Amino acid sequence: MAEKKRFTEIDALRGIAAIVVVLYHYIILYDEKFGHSKENYIEIFSYGHYGVQLFFIISGFVIYMSVLKVKSTSDF
């Protein structure tokens, strides 16, 4: 059986990016939609929209690394 090596750090960063996007939608957009004050949210979540780009960049890297390990498209 072939050994499957994963980059744990990359998977963790992708998970963090997904969580930041969820928190961005929940905190920032909810406040804007329902007119709540923005005094109580953490400033870092205002950059949550960048989490989507980070998530897709990491996903593209992971797919590329997976393609390098296979010999044919049917194996992928």
PDB file of N, CA and C in Angstrom:
ATOM      1  N   MET A   1       0.841  -1.180   0.000  1.00  0.00           N
ATOM      2  CA  MET A   1       0.000   0.000   0.000  1.00  0.00           C
ATOM      3  C   MET A   1       0.888   1.246   0.000  1.00  0.00           C
ATOM      4  N   ALA A   2       0.544   2.190  -0.833  1.00  0.00           N
ATOM      5  CA  ALA A   2       1.349   3.398  -0.947  1.00  0.00           C
ATOM      6  C   ALA A   2       1.127   4.297   0.264  1.00  0.00           C
ATOM      7  N   GLU A   3       2.209   4.922   0.688  1.00  0.00           N
ATOM      8  CA  GLU A   3       2.135   5.836   1.825  1.00  0.00           C
ATOM      9  C   GLU A   3       1.567   7.177   1.367  1.00  0.00           C
ATOM     10  N   LYS A   4       0.588   7.666   2.083  1.00  0.00           N
ATOM     11  CA  LYS A   4      -0.023   8.955   1.745  1.00  0.00           C
ATOM     12  C   LYS A   4       0.504   9.998   2.715  1.00  0.00           C
ATOM     13  N   LYS A   5       1.278  10.920   2.175  1.00  0.00           N
ATOM     14  CA  LYS A   5       1.840  11.983   3.010  1.00  0.00           C
ATOM     15  C   LYS A   5       1.008  13.241   2.841  1.00  0.00           C
ATOM     16  N   ARG A   6       0.600  13.816   3.946  1.00  0.00           N
ATOM     17  CA  ARG A   6      -0.182  15.051   3.931  1.00  0.00           C
ATOM     18  C   ARG A   6       0.615  16.137   4.635  1.00  0.00           C
ATOM     19  N   PHE A   7       0.352  17.348   4.233  1.00  0.00           N
ATOM     20  CA  PHE A   7       0.944  18.496   4.893  1.00  0.00           C
ATOM     21  C   PHE A   7      -0.043  18.966   5.959  1.00  0.00           C
ATOM     22  N   THR A   8       0.211  18.605   7.184  1.00  0.00           N
ATOM     23  CA  THR A   8      -0.699  18.936   8.273  1.00  0.00           C
ATOM     24  C   THR A   8      -0.824  20.444   8.445  1.00  0.00           C
ATOM     25  N   GLU A   9       0.279  21.142   8.283  1.00  0.00           N
ATOM     26  CA  GLU A   9       0.254  22.596   8.439  1.00  0.00           C
ATOM     27  C   GLU A   9      -0.608  23.257   7.368  1.00  0.00           C
ATOM     28  N   ILE A  10      -0.516  22.748   6.142  1.00  0.00           N
ATOM     29  CA  ILE A  10      -1.326  23.291   5.044  1.00  0.00           C
ATOM     30  C   ILE A  10      -2.803  23.025   5.301  1.00  0.00           C
ATOM     31  N   ASP A  11      -3.130  21.810   5.751  1.00  0.00           N
ATOM     32  CA  ASP A  11      -4.518  21.492   6.074  1.00  0.00           C
ATOM     33  C   ASP A  11      -5.038  22.382   7.206  1.00  0.00           C
ATOM     34  N   ALA A  12      -4.183  22.642   8.190  1.00  0.00           N
ATOM     35  CA  ALA A  12      -4.586  23.507   9.306  1.00  0.00           C
ATOM     36  C   ALA A  12      -4.817  24.936   8.831  1.00  0.00           C
ATOM     37  N   LEU A  13      -3.947  25.439   7.958  1.00  0.00           N
ATOM     38  CA  LEU A  13      -4.115  26.793   7.433  1.00  0.00           C
ATOM     39  C   LEU A  13      -5.385  26.904   6.595  1.00  0.00           C
ATOM     40  N   ARG A  14      -5.684  25.864   5.836  1.00  0.00           N
ATOM     41  CA  ARG A  14      -6.920  25.862   5.050  1.00  0.00           C
ATOM     42  C   ARG A  14      -8.142  25.853   5.963  1.00  0.00           C
ATOM     43  N   GLY A  15      -8.076  25.109   7.052  1.00  0.00           N
ATOM     44  CA  GLY A  15      -9.168  25.097   8.027  1.00  0.00           C
ATOM     45  C   GLY A  15      -9.345  26.442   8.706  1.00  0.00           C
ATOM     46  N   ILE A  16      -8.246  27.085   9.052  1.00  0.00           N
ATOM     47  CA  ILE A  16      -8.311  28.415   9.674  1.00  0.00           C
ATOM     48  C   ILE A  16      -8.924  29.418   8.694  1.00  0.00           C
ATOM     49  N   ALA A  17      -8.541  29.334   7.424  1.00  0.00           N
ATOM     50  CA  ALA A  17      -9.109  30.237   6.420  1.00  0.00           C
ATOM     51  C   ALA A  17     -10.615  30.046   6.312  1.00  0.00           C
ATOM     52  N   ALA A  18     -11.073  28.812   6.339  1.00  0.00           N
ATOM     53  CA  ALA A  18     -12.513  28.540   6.261  1.00  0.00           C
ATOM     54  C   ALA A  18     -13.236  29.082   7.496  1.00  0.00           C
ATOM     55  N   ILE A  19     -12.646  28.918   8.663  1.00  0.00           N
ATOM     56  CA  ILE A  19     -13.269  29.417   9.897  1.00  0.00           C
ATOM     57  C   ILE A  19     -13.341  30.941   9.892  1.00  0.00           C
ATOM     58  N   VAL A  20     -12.283  31.600   9.410  1.00  0.00           N
ATOM     59  CA  VAL A  20     -12.285  33.063   9.353  1.00  0.00           C
ATOM     60  C   VAL A  20     -13.383  33.561   8.422  1.00  0.00           C
ATOM     61  N   VAL A  21     -13.599  32.868   7.305  1.00  0.00           N
ATOM     62  CA  VAL A  21     -14.668  33.269   6.382  1.00  0.00           C
ATOM     63  C   VAL A  21     -16.030  33.120   7.045  1.00  0.00           C
ATOM     64  N   VAL A  22     -16.235  32.032   7.754  1.00  0.00           N
ATOM     65  CA  VAL A  22     -17.514  31.822   8.451  1.00  0.00           C
ATOM     66  C   VAL A  22     -17.725  32.911   9.500  1.00  0.00           C
ATOM     67  N   LEU A  23     -16.701  33.202  10.277  1.00  0.00           N
ATOM     68  CA  LEU A  23     -16.823  34.243  11.296  1.00  0.00           C
ATOM     69  C   LEU A  23     -17.037  35.623  10.675  1.00  0.00           C
ATOM     70  N   TYR A  24     -16.397  35.876   9.540  1.00  0.00           N
ATOM     71  CA  TYR A  24     -16.601  37.141   8.835  1.00  0.00           C
ATOM     72  C   TYR A  24     -18.072  37.298   8.455  1.00  0.00           C
ATOM     73  N   HIS A  25     -18.630  36.249   7.869  1.00  0.00           N
ATOM     74  CA  HIS A  25     -20.033  36.330   7.469  1.00  0.00           C
ATOM     75  C   HIS A  25     -20.949  36.468   8.677  1.00  0.00           C
ATOM     76  N   TYR A  26     -20.632  35.763   9.712  1.00  0.00           N
ATOM     77  CA  TYR A  26     -21.498  35.799  10.892  1.00  0.00           C
ATOM     78  C   TYR A  26     -21.404  37.129  11.627  1.00  0.00           C
ATOM     79  N   ILE A  27     -20.219  37.641  11.798  1.00  0.00           N
ATOM     80  CA  ILE A  27     -20.025  38.842  12.619  1.00  0.00           C
ATOM     81  C   ILE A  27     -20.193  40.122  11.801  1.00  0.00           C
ATOM     82  N   ILE A  28     -19.416  40.283  10.762  1.00  0.00           N
ATOM     83  CA  ILE A  28     -19.385  41.538  10.020  1.00  0.00           C
ATOM     84  C   ILE A  28     -20.661  41.741   9.205  1.00  0.00           C
ATOM     85  N   LEU A  29     -21.004  40.784   8.368  1.00  0.00           N
ATOM     86  CA  LEU A  29     -22.155  40.967   7.493  1.00  0.00           C
ATOM     87  C   LEU A  29     -23.466  40.970   8.266  1.00  0.00           C
ATOM     88  N   TYR A  30     -23.532  40.214   9.341  1.00  0.00           N
ATOM     89  CA  TYR A  30     -24.728  40.223  10.184  1.00  0.00           C
ATOM     90  C   TYR A  30     -24.922  41.602  10.803  1.00  0.00           C
ATOM     91  N   ASP A  31     -23.844  42.178  11.274  1.00  0.00           N
ATOM     92  CA  ASP A  31     -23.917  43.518  11.863  1.00  0.00           C
ATOM     93  C   ASP A  31     -24.348  44.563  10.833  1.00  0.00           C
ATOM     94  N   GLU A  32     -23.799  44.457   9.615  1.00  0.00           N
ATOM     95  CA  GLU A  32     -24.167  45.415   8.577  1.00  0.00           C
ATOM     96  C   GLU A  32     -25.629  45.261   8.168  1.00  0.00           C
ATOM     97  N   LYS A  33     -26.091  44.039   8.073  1.00  0.00           N
ATOM     98  CA  LYS A  33     -27.456  43.798   7.615  1.00  0.00           C
ATOM     99  C   LYS A  33     -28.502  44.250   8.630  1.00  0.00           C
ATOM    100  N   PHE A  34     -28.241  44.023   9.898  1.00  0.00           N
ATOM    101  CA  PHE A  34     -29.237  44.313  10.914  1.00  0.00           C
ATOM    102  C   PHE A  34     -28.943  45.587  11.707  1.00  0.00           C
ATOM    103  N   GLY A  35     -27.927  46.340  11.282  1.00  0.00           N
ATOM    104  CA  GLY A  35     -27.669  47.652  11.845  1.00  0.00           C
ATOM    105  C   GLY A  35     -27.125  47.667  13.260  1.00  0.00           C
ATOM    106  N   HIS A  36     -26.425  46.657  13.656  1.00  0.00           N
ATOM    107  CA  HIS A  36     -25.811  46.653  14.990  1.00  0.00           C
ATOM    108  C   HIS A  36     -24.544  47.493  14.965  1.00  0.00           C
ATOM    109  N   SER A  37     -24.139  47.918  16.126  1.00  0.00           N
ATOM    110  CA  SER A  37     -22.907  48.704  16.197  1.00  0.00           C
ATOM    111  C   SER A  37     -21.705  47.801  15.955  1.00  0.00           C
ATOM    112  N   LYS A  38     -20.666  48.382  15.405  1.00  0.00           N
ATOM    113  CA  LYS A  38     -19.459  47.625  15.091  1.00  0.00           C
ATOM    114  C   LYS A  38     -18.385  47.812  16.149  1.00  0.00           C
ATOM    115  N   GLU A  39     -18.765  48.169  17.330  1.00  0.00           N
ATOM    116  CA  GLU A  39     -17.786  48.431  18.380  1.00  0.00           C
ATOM    117  C   GLU A  39     -17.241  47.168  19.018  1.00  0.00           C
ATOM    118  N   ASN A  40     -17.991  46.098  18.971  1.00  0.00           N
ATOM    119  CA  ASN A  40     -17.629  44.921  19.759  1.00  0.00           C
ATOM    120  C   ASN A  40     -17.005  43.780  18.959  1.00  0.00           C
ATOM    121  N   TYR A  41     -16.741  43.951  17.685  1.00  0.00           N
ATOM    122  CA  TYR A  41     -16.142  42.852  16.942  1.00  0.00           C
ATOM    123  C   TYR A  41     -14.632  43.014  16.869  1.00  0.00           C
ATOM    124  N   ILE A  42     -13.982  41.905  16.608  1.00  0.00           N
ATOM    125  CA  ILE A  42     -12.530  41.893  16.516  1.00  0.00           C
ATOM    126  C   ILE A  42     -12.133  42.385  15.123  1.00  0.00           C
ATOM    127  N   GLU A  43     -11.221  43.308  15.046  1.00  0.00           N
ATOM    128  CA  GLU A  43     -10.840  43.963  13.791  1.00  0.00           C
ATOM    129  C   GLU A  43     -10.326  42.982  12.738  1.00  0.00           C
ATOM    130  N   ILE A  44      -9.684  41.906  13.147  1.00  0.00           N
ATOM    131  CA  ILE A  44      -9.114  40.961  12.177  1.00  0.00           C
ATOM    132  C   ILE A  44     -10.187  40.326  11.312  1.00  0.00           C
ATOM    133  N   PHE A  45     -11.408  40.204  11.828  1.00  0.00           N
ATOM    134  CA  PHE A  45     -12.467  39.572  11.046  1.00  0.00           C
ATOM    135  C   PHE A  45     -12.943  40.447   9.898  1.00  0.00           C
ATOM    136  N   SER A  46     -12.591  41.716   9.894  1.00  0.00           N
ATOM    137  CA  SER A  46     -12.960  42.566   8.766  1.00  0.00           C
ATOM    138  C   SER A  46     -12.174  42.194   7.507  1.00  0.00           C
ATOM    139  N   TYR A  47     -11.114  41.404   7.647  1.00  0.00           N
ATOM    140  CA  TYR A  47     -10.338  40.919   6.508  1.00  0.00           C
ATOM    141  C   TYR A  47     -10.734  39.499   6.126  1.00  0.00           C
ATOM    142  N   GLY A  48     -11.873  39.056   6.574  1.00  0.00           N
ATOM    143  CA  GLY A  48     -12.314  37.683   6.330  1.00  0.00           C
ATOM    144  C   GLY A  48     -12.530  37.338   4.877  1.00  0.00           C
ATOM    145  N   HIS A  49     -12.799  38.324   4.049  1.00  0.00           N
ATOM    146  CA  HIS A  49     -13.010  38.036   2.630  1.00  0.00           C
ATOM    147  C   HIS A  49     -11.730  37.534   1.964  1.00  0.00           C
ATOM    148  N   TYR A  50     -10.584  37.811   2.551  1.00  0.00           N
ATOM    149  CA  TYR A  50      -9.335  37.271   2.012  1.00  0.00           C
ATOM    150  C   TYR A  50      -9.178  35.787   2.314  1.00  0.00           C
ATOM    151  N   GLY A  51      -9.941  35.288   3.257  1.00  0.00           N
ATOM    152  CA  GLY A  51      -9.893  33.861   3.576  1.00  0.00           C
ATOM    153  C   GLY A  51     -10.323  32.993   2.417  1.00  0.00           C
ATOM    154  N   VAL A  52     -11.244  33.501   1.591  1.00  0.00           N
ATOM    155  CA  VAL A  52     -11.699  32.746   0.422  1.00  0.00           C
ATOM    156  C   VAL A  52     -10.548  32.571  -0.561  1.00  0.00           C
ATOM    157  N   GLN A  53      -9.835  33.649  -0.843  1.00  0.00           N
ATOM    158  CA  GLN A  53      -8.698  33.556  -1.763  1.00  0.00           C
ATOM    159  C   GLN A  53      -7.620  32.622  -1.209  1.00  0.00           C
ATOM    160  N   LEU A  54      -7.332  32.743   0.086  1.00  0.00           N
ATOM    161  CA  LEU A  54      -6.333  31.881   0.707  1.00  0.00           C
ATOM    162  C   LEU A  54      -6.752  30.416   0.625  1.00  0.00           C
ATOM    163  N   PHE A  55      -8.035  30.150   0.890  1.00  0.00           N
ATOM    164  CA  PHE A  55      -8.548  28.782   0.822  1.00  0.00           C
ATOM    165  C   PHE A  55      -8.364  28.200  -0.575  1.00  0.00           C
ATOM    166  N   PHE A  56      -8.687  28.962  -1.615  1.00  0.00           N
ATOM    167  CA  PHE A  56      -8.568  28.455  -2.980  1.00  0.00           C
ATOM    168  C   PHE A  56      -7.114  28.325  -3.422  1.00  0.00           C
ATOM    169  N   ILE A  57      -6.255  29.208  -2.970  1.00  0.00           N
ATOM    170  CA  ILE A  57      -4.834  29.082  -3.295  1.00  0.00           C
ATOM    171  C   ILE A  57      -4.272  27.800  -2.692  1.00  0.00           C
ATOM    172  N   ILE A  58      -4.592  27.550  -1.436  1.00  0.00           N
ATOM    173  CA  ILE A  58      -4.102  26.338  -0.771  1.00  0.00           C
ATOM    174  C   ILE A  58      -4.695  25.091  -1.428  1.00  0.00           C
ATOM    175  N   SER A  59      -5.979  25.147  -1.765  1.00  0.00           N
ATOM    176  CA  SER A  59      -6.615  24.005  -2.425  1.00  0.00           C
ATOM    177  C   SER A  59      -5.959  23.714  -3.770  1.00  0.00           C
ATOM    178  N   GLY A  60      -5.628  24.761  -4.527  1.00  0.00           N
ATOM    179  CA  GLY A  60      -4.933  24.569  -5.794  1.00  0.00           C
ATOM    180  C   GLY A  60      -3.575  23.918  -5.600  1.00  0.00           C
ATOM    181  N   PHE A  61      -2.861  24.327  -4.571  1.00  0.00           N
ATOM    182  CA  PHE A  61      -1.563  23.722  -4.258  1.00  0.00           C
ATOM    183  C   PHE A  61      -1.720  22.243  -3.906  1.00  0.00           C
ATOM    184  N   VAL A  62      -2.721  21.925  -3.103  1.00  0.00           N
ATOM    185  CA  VAL A  62      -2.948  20.532  -2.693  1.00  0.00           C
ATOM    186  C   VAL A  62      -3.323  19.674  -3.901  1.00  0.00           C
ATOM    187  N   ILE A  63      -4.158  20.202  -4.784  1.00  0.00           N
ATOM    188  CA  ILE A  63      -4.525  19.452  -5.987  1.00  0.00           C
ATOM    189  C   ILE A  63      -3.303  19.236  -6.873  1.00  0.00           C
ATOM    190  N   TYR A  64      -2.489  20.262  -7.030  1.00  0.00           N
ATOM    191  CA  TYR A  64      -1.265  20.125  -7.825  1.00  0.00           C
ATOM    192  C   TYR A  64      -0.349  19.057  -7.242  1.00  0.00           C
ATOM    193  N   MET A  65      -0.171  19.058  -5.937  1.00  0.00           N
ATOM    194  CA  MET A  65       0.681  18.044  -5.306  1.00  0.00           C
ATOM    195  C   MET A  65       0.090  16.641  -5.480  1.00  0.00           C
ATOM    196  N   SER A  66      -1.222  16.536  -5.490  1.00  0.00           N
ATOM    197  CA  SER A  66      -1.876  15.243  -5.710  1.00  0.00           C
ATOM    198  C   SER A  66      -1.666  14.766  -7.140  1.00  0.00           C
ATOM    199  N   VAL A  67      -1.717  15.680  -8.102  1.00  0.00           N
ATOM    200  CA  VAL A  67      -1.522  15.326  -9.505  1.00  0.00           C
ATOM    201  C   VAL A  67      -0.099  14.823  -9.728  1.00  0.00           C
ATOM    202  N   LEU A  68       0.861  15.384  -9.034  1.00  0.00           N
ATOM    203  CA  LEU A  68       2.251  14.949  -9.198  1.00  0.00           C
ATOM    204  C   LEU A  68       2.471  13.508  -8.748  1.00  0.00           C
ATOM    205  N   LYS A  69       1.628  13.022  -7.858  1.00  0.00           N
ATOM    206  CA  LYS A  69       1.810  11.680  -7.301  1.00  0.00           C
ATOM    207  C   LYS A  69       1.203  10.581  -8.161  1.00  0.00           C
ATOM    208  N   VAL A  70       0.352  10.903  -9.115  1.00  0.00           N
ATOM    209  CA  VAL A  70      -0.308   9.879  -9.924  1.00  0.00           C
ATOM    210  C   VAL A  70       0.332   9.795 -11.293  1.00  0.00           C
ATOM    211  N   LYS A  71       0.171   8.630 -11.920  1.00  0.00           N
ATOM    212  CA  LYS A  71       0.787   8.409 -13.223  1.00  0.00           C
ATOM    213  C   LYS A  71      -0.194   8.600 -14.364  1.00  0.00           C
ATOM    214  N   SER A  72      -1.491   8.495 -14.087  1.00  0.00           N
ATOM    215  CA  SER A  72      -2.493   8.692 -15.147  1.00  0.00           C
ATOM    216  C   SER A  72      -3.706   9.412 -14.569  1.00  0.00           C
ATOM    217  N   THR A  73      -4.524   9.939 -15.467  1.00  0.00           N
ATOM    218  CA  THR A  73      -5.705  10.664 -14.996  1.00  0.00           C
ATOM    219  C   THR A  73      -6.718   9.748 -14.335  1.00  0.00           C
ATOM    220  N   SER A  74      -6.761   8.501 -14.718  1.00  0.00           N
ATOM    221  CA  SER A  74      -7.715   7.581 -14.070  1.00  0.00           C
ATOM    222  C   SER A  74      -7.302   7.266 -12.631  1.00  0.00           C
ATOM    223  N   ASP A  75      -6.009   7.378 -12.315  1.00  0.00           N
ATOM    224  CA  ASP A  75      -5.554   7.181 -10.942  1.00  0.00           C
ATOM    225  C   ASP A  75      -5.927   8.365 -10.051  1.00  0.00           C
ATOM    226  N   PHE A  76      -6.033   9.544 -10.668  1.00  0.00           N
ATOM    227  CA  PHE A  76      -6.362  10.741  -9.910  1.00  0.00           C
ATOM    228  C   PHE A  76      -7.788  10.651  -9.403  1.00  0.00           C
TER     229      PHE A  76
END
